[in-house]
Structures are given as C-alpha cells and as structure tokens.
C-alpha cells in the first residue's frame, strides 16, 4: 500500500481500535501498533506519540489494566489487558461506531430525493 493510500484516524477512534486489539489478549504497546497496522492491511500506522498517551488514558479511565512482564532477554515490557469495565465500554462503543458508520454510509451513498 502506498503512502497516498494511508490516512489519519478520525478523532476518537484510536481508543476504540486499541481496546479491540487488547481485547484479543494481553499485549504490549509496540505489538498493539503492529497489530493495528496488520489488521488494517497496512492502511493505519499508529505512532508512539499517539499510542502511549492513549494507553495511559485508557488505563486512567480503568478500561485497561497493565502489568510488567519480563522477556527471555531480561528486559521488561508493560502488557495491557481489557478488564470487565473495559469490555462493557468496548461493546457499547463498537455498537455506537457501527450505527454511526451505517448512517454516514447512507448519507454518502444516498441521493437527494424530492429535490430539483
């Protein structure tokens, strides 16, 4: 995919995408960014300057829990997981996003009936 095929995320969607990826299982920050890129077929690239503030925000809101785990090399990484409050929030936000995209799709695909 070329650089021209990539686009910025609409305001407020990064948290939803992060939570969706983390809901798949405990994962560290760098891997979250990679997973979003893979799942979007390379269309989305989340920069560290956006990712880590979003992770901290989600942790502060109590939607994610985090634990430090050591790699085989002895280095540690912070792994994130969605808790019960986060799962409820993710479900509601996914439903809201789905309704919104359906409505926007109607408008973008629709014709102006009854107008000249």
PDB file of N, CA and C in Angstrom:
ATOM      1  N   UNK A   1       0.847  -1.164   0.000  1.00  0.00           N
ATOM      2  CA  UNK A   1       0.000   0.000   0.000  1.00  0.00           C
ATOM      3  C   UNK A   1       0.898   1.234   0.000  1.00  0.00           C
ATOM      4  N   UNK A   2       0.620   2.185  -0.841  1.00  0.00           N
ATOM      5  CA  UNK A   2       1.447   3.373  -0.946  1.00  0.00           C
ATOM      6  C   UNK A   2       1.122   4.353   0.166  1.00  0.00           C
ATOM      7  N   UNK A   3       1.991   5.335   0.330  1.00  0.00           N
ATOM      8  CA  UNK A   3       1.778   6.357   1.344  1.00  0.00           C
ATOM      9  C   UNK A   3       0.479   7.106   1.091  1.00  0.00           C
ATOM     10  N   UNK A   4       0.124   7.290  -0.176  1.00  0.00           N
ATOM     11  CA  UNK A   4      -1.108   8.004  -0.508  1.00  0.00           C
ATOM     12  C   UNK A   4      -2.352   7.237  -0.069  1.00  0.00           C
ATOM     13  N   UNK A   5      -2.235   5.911   0.087  1.00  0.00           N
ATOM     14  CA  UNK A   5      -3.366   5.093   0.494  1.00  0.00           C
ATOM     15  C   UNK A   5      -3.573   5.083   2.005  1.00  0.00           C
ATOM     16  N   UNK A   6      -2.661   5.678   2.738  1.00  0.00           N
ATOM     17  CA  UNK A   6      -2.774   5.715   4.201  1.00  0.00           C
ATOM     18  C   UNK A   6      -3.479   6.989   4.603  1.00  0.00           C
ATOM     19  N   UNK A   7      -4.160   6.950   5.730  1.00  0.00           N
ATOM     20  CA  UNK A   7      -4.903   8.116   6.167  1.00  0.00           C
ATOM     21  C   UNK A   7      -4.873   8.222   7.677  1.00  0.00           C
ATOM     22  N   UNK A   8      -5.216   9.411   8.159  1.00  0.00           N
ATOM     23  CA  UNK A   8      -5.264   9.661   9.600  1.00  0.00           C
ATOM     24  C   UNK A   8      -6.571   9.135  10.170  1.00  0.00           C
ATOM     25  N   UNK A   9      -6.515   8.727  11.417  1.00  0.00           N
ATOM     26  CA  UNK A   9      -7.716   8.255  12.103  1.00  0.00           C
ATOM     27  C   UNK A   9      -8.614   9.428  12.456  1.00  0.00           C
ATOM     28  N   UNK A  10      -9.920   9.277  12.282  1.00  0.00           N
ATOM     29  CA  UNK A  10     -10.830  10.316  12.770  1.00  0.00           C
ATOM     30  C   UNK A  10     -10.695  10.438  14.284  1.00  0.00           C
ATOM     31  N   UNK A  11     -10.917  11.632  14.771  1.00  0.00           N
ATOM     32  CA  UNK A  11     -10.818  11.914  16.207  1.00  0.00           C
ATOM     33  C   UNK A  11     -11.624  10.902  17.021  1.00  0.00           C
ATOM     34  N   UNK A  12     -11.009  10.339  18.038  1.00  0.00           N
ATOM     35  CA  UNK A  12     -11.726   9.462  18.954  1.00  0.00           C
ATOM     36  C   UNK A  12     -11.736   7.985  18.585  1.00  0.00           C
ATOM     37  N   UNK A  13     -11.184   7.602  17.449  1.00  0.00           N
ATOM     38  CA  UNK A  13     -11.242   6.194  17.060  1.00  0.00           C
ATOM     39  C   UNK A  13     -10.041   5.385  17.556  1.00  0.00           C
ATOM     40  N   UNK A  14      -8.957   6.042  17.875  1.00  0.00           N
ATOM     41  CA  UNK A  14      -7.764   5.317  18.307  1.00  0.00           C
ATOM     42  C   UNK A  14      -8.044   4.494  19.561  1.00  0.00           C
ATOM     43  N   UNK A  15      -8.737   5.068  20.534  1.00  0.00           N
ATOM     44  CA  UNK A  15      -9.040   4.327  21.766  1.00  0.00           C
ATOM     45  C   UNK A  15      -9.824   3.058  21.455  1.00  0.00           C
ATOM     46  N   UNK A  16     -10.801   3.167  20.573  1.00  0.00           N
ATOM     47  CA  UNK A  16     -11.619   2.011  20.192  1.00  0.00           C
ATOM     48  C   UNK A  16     -10.760   0.932  19.531  1.00  0.00           C
ATOM     49  N   UNK A  17      -9.882   1.325  18.625  1.00  0.00           N
ATOM     50  CA  UNK A  17      -9.027   0.346  17.943  1.00  0.00           C
ATOM     51  C   UNK A  17      -8.059  -0.321  18.917  1.00  0.00           C
ATOM     52  N   UNK A  18      -7.490   0.462  19.799  1.00  0.00           N
ATOM     53  CA  UNK A  18      -6.583  -0.097  20.803  1.00  0.00           C
ATOM     54  C   UNK A  18      -7.324  -1.104  21.670  1.00  0.00           C
ATOM     55  N   UNK A  19      -8.492  -0.732  22.150  1.00  0.00           N
ATOM     56  CA  UNK A  19      -9.243  -1.639  23.016  1.00  0.00           C
ATOM     57  C   UNK A  19      -9.623  -2.916  22.286  1.00  0.00           C
ATOM     58  N   UNK A  20      -9.970  -2.814  21.005  1.00  0.00           N
ATOM     59  CA  UNK A  20     -10.321  -4.005  20.222  1.00  0.00           C
ATOM     60  C   UNK A  20      -9.136  -4.956  20.124  1.00  0.00           C
ATOM     61  N   UNK A  21      -7.959  -4.409  19.868  1.00  0.00           N
ATOM     62  CA  UNK A  21      -6.751  -5.236  19.772  1.00  0.00           C
ATOM     63  C   UNK A  21      -6.402  -5.848  21.126  1.00  0.00           C
ATOM     64  N   UNK A  22      -6.456  -5.057  22.176  1.00  0.00           N
ATOM     65  CA  UNK A  22      -6.106  -5.552  23.512  1.00  0.00           C
ATOM     66  C   UNK A  22      -7.111  -6.611  23.975  1.00  0.00           C
ATOM     67  N   UNK A  23      -8.359  -6.506  23.540  1.00  0.00           N
ATOM     68  CA  UNK A  23      -9.381  -7.487  23.920  1.00  0.00           C
ATOM     69  C   UNK A  23      -9.061  -8.881  23.386  1.00  0.00           C
ATOM     70  N   UNK A  24      -8.196  -8.975  22.401  1.00  0.00           N
ATOM     71  CA  UNK A  24      -7.795 -10.282  21.856  1.00  0.00           C
ATOM     72  C   UNK A  24      -6.880 -11.038  22.813  1.00  0.00           C
ATOM     73  N   UNK A  25      -6.279 -10.333  23.758  1.00  0.00           N
ATOM     74  CA  UNK A  25      -5.398 -10.963  24.738  1.00  0.00           C
ATOM     75  C   UNK A  25      -4.309 -10.001  25.156  1.00  0.00           C
ATOM     76  N   UNK A  26      -3.663 -10.262  26.298  1.00  0.00           N
ATOM     77  CA  UNK A  26      -2.623  -9.366  26.803  1.00  0.00           C
ATOM     78  C   UNK A  26      -1.554  -9.101  25.745  1.00  0.00           C
ATOM     79  N   UNK A  27      -1.162  -7.825  25.638  1.00  0.00           N
ATOM     80  CA  UNK A  27      -0.253  -7.412  24.574  1.00  0.00           C
ATOM     81  C   UNK A  27       0.481  -6.149  25.013  1.00  0.00           C
ATOM     82  N   UNK A  28       1.712  -5.989  24.560  1.00  0.00           N
ATOM     83  CA  UNK A  28       2.473  -4.783  24.911  1.00  0.00           C
ATOM     84  C   UNK A  28       2.287  -3.712  23.842  1.00  0.00           C
ATOM     85  N   UNK A  29       2.656  -2.488  24.184  1.00  0.00           N
ATOM     86  CA  UNK A  29       2.386  -1.328  23.348  1.00  0.00           C
ATOM     87  C   UNK A  29       2.855  -1.438  21.911  1.00  0.00           C
ATOM     88  N   UNK A  30       4.112  -1.790  21.705  1.00  0.00           N
ATOM     89  CA  UNK A  30       4.644  -1.870  20.349  1.00  0.00           C
ATOM     90  C   UNK A  30       3.861  -2.884  19.518  1.00  0.00           C
ATOM     91  N   UNK A  31       3.492  -3.999  20.138  1.00  0.00           N
ATOM     92  CA  UNK A  31       2.733  -5.036  19.431  1.00  0.00           C
ATOM     93  C   UNK A  31       1.318  -4.559  19.093  1.00  0.00           C
ATOM     94  N   UNK A  32       0.755  -3.669  19.916  1.00  0.00           N
ATOM     95  CA  UNK A  32      -0.560  -3.109  19.619  1.00  0.00           C
ATOM     96  C   UNK A  32      -0.493  -2.325  18.319  1.00  0.00           C
ATOM     97  N   UNK A  33       0.519  -1.474  18.199  1.00  0.00           N
ATOM     98  CA  UNK A  33       0.685  -0.679  16.978  1.00  0.00           C
ATOM     99  C   UNK A  33       0.871  -1.587  15.770  1.00  0.00           C
ATOM    100  N   UNK A  34       1.671  -2.636  15.917  1.00  0.00           N
ATOM    101  CA  UNK A  34       1.880  -3.584  14.813  1.00  0.00           C
ATOM    102  C   UNK A  34       0.587  -4.293  14.432  1.00  0.00           C
ATOM    103  N   UNK A  35      -0.181  -4.719  15.419  1.00  0.00           N
ATOM    104  CA  UNK A  35      -1.425  -5.444  15.169  1.00  0.00           C
ATOM    105  C   UNK A  35      -2.438  -4.553  14.445  1.00  0.00           C
ATOM    106  N   UNK A  36      -2.546  -3.284  14.851  1.00  0.00           N
ATOM    107  CA  UNK A  36      -3.451  -2.359  14.170  1.00  0.00           C
ATOM    108  C   UNK A  36      -3.031  -2.214  12.709  1.00  0.00           C
ATOM    109  N   UNK A  37      -1.746  -2.095  12.489  1.00  0.00           N
ATOM    110  CA  UNK A  37      -1.238  -1.959  11.120  1.00  0.00           C
ATOM    111  C   UNK A  37      -1.561  -3.219  10.313  1.00  0.00           C
ATOM    112  N   UNK A  38      -1.346  -4.374  10.882  1.00  0.00           N
ATOM    113  CA  UNK A  38      -1.630  -5.637  10.190  1.00  0.00           C
ATOM    114  C   UNK A  38      -3.125  -5.797   9.905  1.00  0.00           C
ATOM    115  N   UNK A  39      -3.951  -5.548  10.921  1.00  0.00           N
ATOM    116  CA  UNK A  39      -5.392  -5.742  10.768  1.00  0.00           C
ATOM    117  C   UNK A  39      -6.008  -4.756   9.780  1.00  0.00           C
ATOM    118  N   UNK A  40      -5.376  -3.588   9.613  1.00  0.00           N
ATOM    119  CA  UNK A  40      -5.880  -2.589   8.674  1.00  0.00           C
ATOM    120  C   UNK A  40      -5.280  -2.769   7.281  1.00  0.00           C
ATOM    121  N   UNK A  41      -4.582  -3.882   7.089  1.00  0.00           N
ATOM    122  CA  UNK A  41      -3.901  -4.149   5.820  1.00  0.00           C
ATOM    123  C   UNK A  41      -2.945  -3.021   5.463  1.00  0.00           C
ATOM    124  N   UNK A  42      -2.222  -2.574   6.486  1.00  0.00           N
ATOM    125  CA  UNK A  42      -1.178  -1.555   6.362  1.00  0.00           C
ATOM    126  C   UNK A  42      -1.715  -0.140   6.142  1.00  0.00           C
ATOM    127  N   UNK A  43      -3.026   0.080   6.208  1.00  0.00           N
ATOM    128  CA  UNK A  43      -3.596   1.407   5.965  1.00  0.00           C
ATOM    129  C   UNK A  43      -3.421   2.341   7.163  1.00  0.00           C
ATOM    130  N   UNK A  44      -3.317   1.780   8.363  1.00  0.00           N
ATOM    131  CA  UNK A  44      -3.188   2.598   9.568  1.00  0.00           C
ATOM    132  C   UNK A  44      -1.852   2.335  10.239  1.00  0.00           C
ATOM    133  N   UNK A  45      -1.167   3.404  10.549  1.00  0.00           N
ATOM    134  CA  UNK A  45       0.065   3.320  11.313  1.00  0.00           C
ATOM    135  C   UNK A  45      -0.082   4.225  12.522  1.00  0.00           C
ATOM    136  N   UNK A  46      -0.024   3.632  13.692  1.00  0.00           N
ATOM    137  CA  UNK A  46      -0.168   4.390  14.933  1.00  0.00           C
ATOM    138  C   UNK A  46       1.225   4.736  15.433  1.00  0.00           C
ATOM    139  N   UNK A  47       1.470   6.012  15.569  1.00  0.00           N
ATOM    140  CA  UNK A  47       2.767   6.491  16.046  1.00  0.00           C
ATOM    141  C   UNK A  47       2.831   6.406  17.562  1.00  0.00           C
ATOM    142  N   UNK A  48       4.041   6.206  18.082  1.00  0.00           N
ATOM    143  CA  UNK A  48       4.222   6.111  19.532  1.00  0.00           C
ATOM    144  C   UNK A  48       3.701   7.353  20.248  1.00  0.00           C
ATOM    145  N   UNK A  49       3.835   8.513  19.613  1.00  0.00           N
ATOM    146  CA  UNK A  49       3.378   9.762  20.211  1.00  0.00           C
ATOM    147  C   UNK A  49       1.872   9.828  20.388  1.00  0.00           C
ATOM    148  N   UNK A  50       1.147   8.979  19.682  1.00  0.00           N
ATOM    149  CA  UNK A  50      -0.308   8.872  19.848  1.00  0.00           C
ATOM    150  C   UNK A  50      -0.681   7.653  20.679  1.00  0.00           C
ATOM    151  N   UNK A  51       0.039   6.555  20.464  1.00  0.00           N
ATOM    152  CA  UNK A  51      -0.283   5.284  21.106  1.00  0.00           C
ATOM    153  C   UNK A  51      -0.160   5.339  22.630  1.00  0.00           C
ATOM    154  N   UNK A  52       0.993   5.766  23.123  1.00  0.00           N
ATOM    155  CA  UNK A  52       1.226   5.679  24.565  1.00  0.00           C
ATOM    156  C   UNK A  52       0.352   6.639  25.372  1.00  0.00           C
ATOM    157  N   UNK A  53       0.106   7.865  24.901  1.00  0.00           N
ATOM    158  CA  UNK A  53      -0.869   8.694  25.626  1.00  0.00           C
ATOM    159  C   UNK A  53      -2.265   8.055  25.649  1.00  0.00           C
ATOM    160  N   UNK A  54      -2.661   7.400  24.559  1.00  0.00           N
ATOM    161  CA  UNK A  54      -3.970   6.732  24.519  1.00  0.00           C
ATOM    162  C   UNK A  54      -3.999   5.566  25.507  1.00  0.00           C
ATOM    163  N   UNK A  55      -2.930   4.785  25.563  1.00  0.00           N
ATOM    164  CA  UNK A  55      -2.865   3.677  26.517  1.00  0.00           C
ATOM    165  C   UNK A  55      -2.955   4.190  27.953  1.00  0.00           C
ATOM    166  N   UNK A  56      -2.234   5.270  28.243  1.00  0.00           N
ATOM    167  CA  UNK A  56      -2.283   5.833  29.596  1.00  0.00           C
ATOM    168  C   UNK A  56      -3.684   6.351  29.907  1.00  0.00           C
ATOM    169  N   UNK A  57      -4.319   6.973  28.930  1.00  0.00           N
ATOM    170  CA  UNK A  57      -5.687   7.487  29.106  1.00  0.00           C
ATOM    171  C   UNK A  57      -6.659   6.337  29.399  1.00  0.00           C
ATOM    172  N   UNK A  58      -6.548   5.244  28.643  1.00  0.00           N
ATOM    173  CA  UNK A  58      -7.435   4.100  28.838  1.00  0.00           C
ATOM    174  C   UNK A  58      -7.174   3.417  30.181  1.00  0.00           C
ATOM    175  N   UNK A  59      -5.933   3.401  30.590  1.00  0.00           N
ATOM    176  CA  UNK A  59      -5.593   2.832  31.897  1.00  0.00           C
ATOM    177  C   UNK A  59      -6.139   3.739  33.017  1.00  0.00           C
ATOM    178  N   UNK A  60      -6.010   5.047  32.847  1.00  0.00           N
ATOM    179  CA  UNK A  60      -6.521   6.006  33.832  1.00  0.00           C
ATOM    180  C   UNK A  60      -8.039   5.895  33.971  1.00  0.00           C
ATOM    181  N   UNK A  61      -8.730   5.657  32.848  1.00  0.00           N
ATOM    182  CA  UNK A  61     -10.193   5.524  32.860  1.00  0.00           C
ATOM    183  C   UNK A  61     -10.635   4.162  33.390  1.00  0.00           C
ATOM    184  N   UNK A  62      -9.679   3.315  33.717  1.00  0.00           N
ATOM    185  CA  UNK A  62      -9.929   1.976  34.282  1.00  0.00           C
ATOM    186  C   UNK A  62     -10.514   0.995  33.257  1.00  0.00           C
ATOM    187  N   UNK A  63     -10.286   1.239  31.941  1.00  0.00           N
ATOM    188  CA  UNK A  63     -10.735   0.321  30.902  1.00  0.00           C
ATOM    189  C   UNK A  63      -9.683  -0.756  30.633  1.00  0.00           C
ATOM    190  N   UNK A  64      -8.423  -0.428  30.908  1.00  0.00           N
ATOM    191  CA  UNK A  64      -7.322  -1.371  30.724  1.00  0.00           C
ATOM    192  C   UNK A  64      -6.594  -1.548  32.039  1.00  0.00           C
ATOM    193  N   UNK A  65      -6.047  -2.740  32.215  1.00  0.00           N
ATOM    194  CA  UNK A  65      -5.129  -2.969  33.336  1.00  0.00           C
ATOM    195  C   UNK A  65      -3.773  -3.280  32.712  1.00  0.00           C
ATOM    196  N   UNK A  66      -2.732  -2.986  33.431  1.00  0.00           N
ATOM    197  CA  UNK A  66      -1.388  -3.181  32.903  1.00  0.00           C
ATOM    198  C   UNK A  66      -0.513  -3.878  33.929  1.00  0.00           C
ATOM    199  N   UNK A  67       0.363  -4.736  33.429  1.00  0.00           N
ATOM    200  CA  UNK A  67       1.323  -5.451  34.268  1.00  0.00           C
ATOM    201  C   UNK A  67       2.652  -5.512  33.543  1.00  0.00           C
ATOM    202  N   UNK A  68       3.715  -5.389  34.309  1.00  0.00           N
ATOM    203  CA  UNK A  68       5.050  -5.521  33.741  1.00  0.00           C
ATOM    204  C   UNK A  68       5.410  -6.997  33.680  1.00  0.00           C
ATOM    205  N   UNK A  69       5.945  -7.417  32.529  1.00  0.00           N
ATOM    206  CA  UNK A  69       6.397  -8.799  32.354  1.00  0.00           C
ATOM    207  C   UNK A  69       7.783  -8.781  31.734  1.00  0.00           C
ATOM    208  N   UNK A  70       8.582  -9.751  32.123  1.00  0.00           N
ATOM    209  CA  UNK A  70       9.948  -9.841  31.607  1.00  0.00           C
ATOM    210  C   UNK A  70       9.996 -10.725  30.364  1.00  0.00           C
ATOM    211  N   UNK A  71      10.793 -10.297  29.394  1.00  0.00           N
ATOM    212  CA  UNK A  71      11.094 -11.120  28.219  1.00  0.00           C
ATOM    213  C   UNK A  71      12.188 -12.110  28.585  1.00  0.00           C
ATOM    214  N   UNK A  72      12.450 -13.042  27.672  1.00  0.00           N
ATOM    215  CA  UNK A  72      13.533 -14.010  27.884  1.00  0.00           C
ATOM    216  C   UNK A  72      14.871 -13.293  28.028  1.00  0.00           C
ATOM    217  N   UNK A  73      15.001 -12.125  27.387  1.00  0.00           N
ATOM    218  CA  UNK A  73      16.248 -11.363  27.413  1.00  0.00           C
ATOM    219  C   UNK A  73      16.468 -10.644  28.732  1.00  0.00           C
ATOM    220  N   UNK A  74      15.447 -10.637  29.596  1.00  0.00           N
ATOM    221  CA  UNK A  74      15.549  -9.944  30.866  1.00  0.00           C
ATOM    222  C   UNK A  74      14.929  -8.550  30.838  1.00  0.00           C
ATOM    223  N   UNK A  75      14.666  -8.042  29.635  1.00  0.00           N
ATOM    224  CA  UNK A  75      14.002  -6.736  29.524  1.00  0.00           C
ATOM    225  C   UNK A  75      12.539  -6.877  29.898  1.00  0.00           C
ATOM    226  N   UNK A  76      11.974  -5.797  30.411  1.00  0.00           N
ATOM    227  CA  UNK A  76      10.569  -5.812  30.796  1.00  0.00           C
ATOM    228  C   UNK A  76       9.741  -4.973  29.836  1.00  0.00           C
ATOM    229  N   UNK A  77       8.480  -5.352  29.681  1.00  0.00           N
ATOM    230  CA  UNK A  77       7.529  -4.591  28.877  1.00  0.00           C
ATOM    231  C   UNK A  77       6.210  -4.545  29.631  1.00  0.00           C
ATOM    232  N   UNK A  78       5.489  -3.471  29.421  1.00  0.00           N
ATOM    233  CA  UNK A  78       4.187  -3.303  30.060  1.00  0.00           C
ATOM    234  C   UNK A  78       3.138  -3.940  29.156  1.00  0.00           C
ATOM    235  N   UNK A  79       2.448  -4.944  29.684  1.00  0.00           N
ATOM    236  CA  UNK A  79       1.403  -5.645  28.939  1.00  0.00           C
ATOM    237  C   UNK A  79       0.037  -5.135  29.388  1.00  0.00           C
ATOM    238  N   UNK A  80      -0.813  -4.903  28.401  1.00  0.00           N
ATOM    239  CA  UNK A  80      -2.147  -4.370  28.661  1.00  0.00           C
ATOM    240  C   UNK A  80      -3.193  -5.448  28.433  1.00  0.00           C
ATOM    241  N   UNK A  81      -4.261  -5.382  29.218  1.00  0.00           N
ATOM    242  CA  UNK A  81      -5.391  -6.295  29.074  1.00  0.00           C
ATOM    243  C   UNK A  81      -6.665  -5.506  29.377  1.00  0.00           C
ATOM    244  N   UNK A  82      -7.762  -5.915  28.763  1.00  0.00           N
ATOM    245  CA  UNK A  82      -9.045  -5.258  28.998  1.00  0.00           C
ATOM    246  C   UNK A  82      -9.701  -5.900  30.213  1.00  0.00           C
ATOM    247  N   UNK A  83     -10.184  -5.073  31.131  1.00  0.00           N
ATOM    248  CA  UNK A  83     -10.885  -5.595  32.297  1.00  0.00           C
ATOM    249  C   UNK A  83     -12.392  -5.602  32.035  1.00  0.00           C
ATOM    250  N   UNK A  84     -13.182  -5.968  33.019  1.00  0.00           N
ATOM    251  CA  UNK A  84     -14.642  -6.077  32.849  1.00  0.00           C
ATOM    252  C   UNK A  84     -15.274  -4.737  32.469  1.00  0.00           C
ATOM    253  N   UNK A  85     -14.842  -3.661  33.111  1.00  0.00           N
ATOM    254  CA  UNK A  85     -15.372  -2.333  32.781  1.00  0.00           C
ATOM    255  C   UNK A  85     -15.018  -1.990  31.333  1.00  0.00           C
ATOM    256  N   UNK A  86     -13.799  -2.305  30.948  1.00  0.00           N
ATOM    257  CA  UNK A  86     -13.356  -2.038  29.584  1.00  0.00           C
ATOM    258  C   UNK A  86     -14.133  -2.840  28.548  1.00  0.00           C
ATOM    259  N   UNK A  87     -14.441  -4.089  28.861  1.00  0.00           N
ATOM    260  CA  UNK A  87     -15.218  -4.919  27.920  1.00  0.00           C
ATOM    261  C   UNK A  87     -16.622  -4.346  27.713  1.00  0.00           C
ATOM    262  N   UNK A  88     -17.241  -3.885  28.787  1.00  0.00           N
ATOM    263  CA  UNK A  88     -18.560  -3.265  28.675  1.00  0.00           C
ATOM    264  C   UNK A  88     -18.478  -2.000  27.829  1.00  0.00           C
ATOM    265  N   UNK A  89     -17.466  -1.188  28.080  1.00  0.00           N
ATOM    266  CA  UNK A  89     -17.260   0.041  27.317  1.00  0.00           C
ATOM    267  C   UNK A  89     -16.976  -0.271  25.847  1.00  0.00           C
ATOM    268  N   UNK A  90     -16.140  -1.261  25.595  1.00  0.00           N
ATOM    269  CA  UNK A  90     -15.808  -1.646  24.220  1.00  0.00           C
ATOM    270  C   UNK A  90     -17.047  -2.095  23.460  1.00  0.00           C
ATOM    271  N   UNK A  91     -17.897  -2.882  24.096  1.00  0.00           N
ATOM    272  CA  UNK A  91     -19.128  -3.352  23.456  1.00  0.00           C
ATOM    273  C   UNK A  91     -20.019  -2.174  23.081  1.00  0.00           C
ATOM    274  N   UNK A  92     -20.208  -1.254  24.022  1.00  0.00           N
ATOM    275  CA  UNK A  92     -21.062  -0.086  23.762  1.00  0.00           C
ATOM    276  C   UNK A  92     -20.475   0.800  22.665  1.00  0.00           C
ATOM    277  N   UNK A  93     -19.169   1.049  22.713  1.00  0.00           N
ATOM    278  CA  UNK A  93     -18.529   1.902  21.712  1.00  0.00           C
ATOM    279  C   UNK A  93     -18.533   1.247  20.328  1.00  0.00           C
ATOM    280  N   UNK A  94     -18.379  -0.077  20.277  1.00  0.00           N
ATOM    281  CA  UNK A  94     -18.429  -0.797  18.999  1.00  0.00           C
ATOM    282  C   UNK A  94     -19.821  -0.673  18.392  1.00  0.00           C
ATOM    283  N   UNK A  95     -20.849  -0.816  19.216  1.00  0.00           N
ATOM    284  CA  UNK A  95     -22.226  -0.671  18.724  1.00  0.00           C
ATOM    285  C   UNK A  95     -22.484   0.753  18.239  1.00  0.00           C
ATOM    286  N   UNK A  96     -22.008   1.746  18.986  1.00  0.00           N
ATOM    287  CA  UNK A  96     -22.169   3.144  18.579  1.00  0.00           C
ATOM    288  C   UNK A  96     -21.457   3.410  17.259  1.00  0.00           C
ATOM    289  N   UNK A  97     -20.234   2.916  17.133  1.00  0.00           N
ATOM    290  CA  UNK A  97     -19.452   3.118  15.907  1.00  0.00           C
ATOM    291  C   UNK A  97     -20.145   2.460  14.718  1.00  0.00           C
ATOM    292  N   UNK A  98     -20.678   1.285  14.920  1.00  0.00           N
ATOM    293  CA  UNK A  98     -21.377   0.573  13.855  1.00  0.00           C
ATOM    294  C   UNK A  98     -22.598   1.354  13.376  1.00  0.00           C
ATOM    295  N   UNK A  99     -23.381   1.866  14.335  1.00  0.00           N
ATOM    296  CA  UNK A  99     -24.553   2.681  13.965  1.00  0.00           C
ATOM    297  C   UNK A  99     -24.131   3.946  13.225  1.00  0.00           C
ATOM    298  N   UNK A 100     -23.092   4.600  13.702  1.00  0.00           N
ATOM    299  CA  UNK A 100     -22.614   5.827  13.074  1.00  0.00           C
ATOM    300  C   UNK A 100     -22.145   5.574  11.648  1.00  0.00           C
ATOM    301  N   UNK A 101     -21.359   4.514  11.446  1.00  0.00           N
ATOM    302  CA  UNK A 101     -20.863   4.243  10.097  1.00  0.00           C
ATOM    303  C   UNK A 101     -21.996   3.854   9.156  1.00  0.00           C
ATOM    304  N   UNK A 102     -23.018   3.173   9.670  1.00  0.00           N
ATOM    305  CA  UNK A 102     -24.184   2.849   8.840  1.00  0.00           C
ATOM    306  C   UNK A 102     -24.888   4.127   8.377  1.00  0.00           C
ATOM    307  N   UNK A 103     -25.082   5.050   9.298  1.00  0.00           N
ATOM    308  CA  UNK A 103     -25.784   6.295   8.978  1.00  0.00           C
ATOM    309  C   UNK A 103     -24.950   7.150   8.016  1.00  0.00           C
ATOM    310  N   UNK A 104     -23.658   7.268   8.273  1.00  0.00           N
ATOM    311  CA  UNK A 104     -22.803   8.039   7.378  1.00  0.00           C
ATOM    312  C   UNK A 104     -22.794   7.394   5.992  1.00  0.00           C
ATOM    313  N   UNK A 105     -22.760   6.069   5.945  1.00  0.00           N
ATOM    314  CA  UNK A 105     -22.816   5.354   4.665  1.00  0.00           C
ATOM    315  C   UNK A 105     -24.085   5.659   3.897  1.00  0.00           C
ATOM    316  N   UNK A 106     -25.199   5.724   4.603  1.00  0.00           N
ATOM    317  CA  UNK A 106     -26.465   6.061   3.949  1.00  0.00           C
ATOM    318  C   UNK A 106     -26.390   7.435   3.300  1.00  0.00           C
ATOM    319  N   UNK A 107     -25.833   8.372   4.030  1.00  0.00           N
ATOM    320  CA  UNK A 107     -25.740   9.732   3.516  1.00  0.00           C
ATOM    321  C   UNK A 107     -24.782   9.800   2.327  1.00  0.00           C
ATOM    322  N   UNK A 108     -23.636   9.145   2.432  1.00  0.00           N
ATOM    323  CA  UNK A 108     -22.656   9.196   1.357  1.00  0.00           C
ATOM    324  C   UNK A 108     -23.122   8.480   0.091  1.00  0.00           C
ATOM    325  N   UNK A 109     -23.892   7.420   0.237  1.00  0.00           N
ATOM    326  CA  UNK A 109     -24.358   6.642  -0.910  1.00  0.00           C
ATOM    327  C   UNK A 109     -25.714   7.129  -1.432  1.00  0.00           C
ATOM    328  N   UNK A 110     -26.407   7.895  -0.623  1.00  0.00           N
ATOM    329  CA  UNK A 110     -27.781   8.276  -0.947  1.00  0.00           C
ATOM    330  C   UNK A 110     -27.873   9.361  -2.009  1.00  0.00           C
ATOM    331  N   UNK A 111     -29.049   9.491  -2.521  1.00  0.00           N
ATOM    332  CA  UNK A 111     -29.356  10.546  -3.476  1.00  0.00           C
ATOM    333  C   UNK A 111     -30.333  11.502  -2.807  1.00  0.00           C
ATOM    334  N   UNK A 112     -30.390  12.674  -3.328  1.00  0.00           N
ATOM    335  CA  UNK A 112     -31.312  13.679  -2.789  1.00  0.00           C
ATOM    336  C   UNK A 112     -32.646  13.503  -3.466  1.00  0.00           C
ATOM    337  N   UNK A 113     -33.525  12.749  -2.840  1.00  0.00           N
ATOM    338  CA  UNK A 113     -34.861  12.506  -3.406  1.00  0.00           C
ATOM    339  C   UNK A 113     -35.750  13.702  -3.129  1.00  0.00           C
ATOM    340  N   UNK A 114     -36.556  14.039  -4.104  1.00  0.00           N
ATOM    341  CA  UNK A 114     -37.525  15.109  -3.929  1.00  0.00           C
ATOM    342  C   UNK A 114     -36.923  16.505  -4.070  1.00  0.00           C
ATOM    343  N   UNK A 115     -35.683  16.593  -4.535  1.00  0.00           N
ATOM    344  CA  UNK A 115     -35.092  17.914  -4.744  1.00  0.00           C
ATOM    345  C   UNK A 115     -34.829  18.119  -6.212  1.00  0.00           C
ATOM    346  N   UNK A 116     -34.762  19.334  -6.617  1.00  0.00           N
ATOM    347  CA  UNK A 116     -34.526  19.660  -8.026  1.00  0.00           C
ATOM    348  C   UNK A 116     -33.089  19.968  -8.275  1.00  0.00           C
TER     349      UNK A 116
END
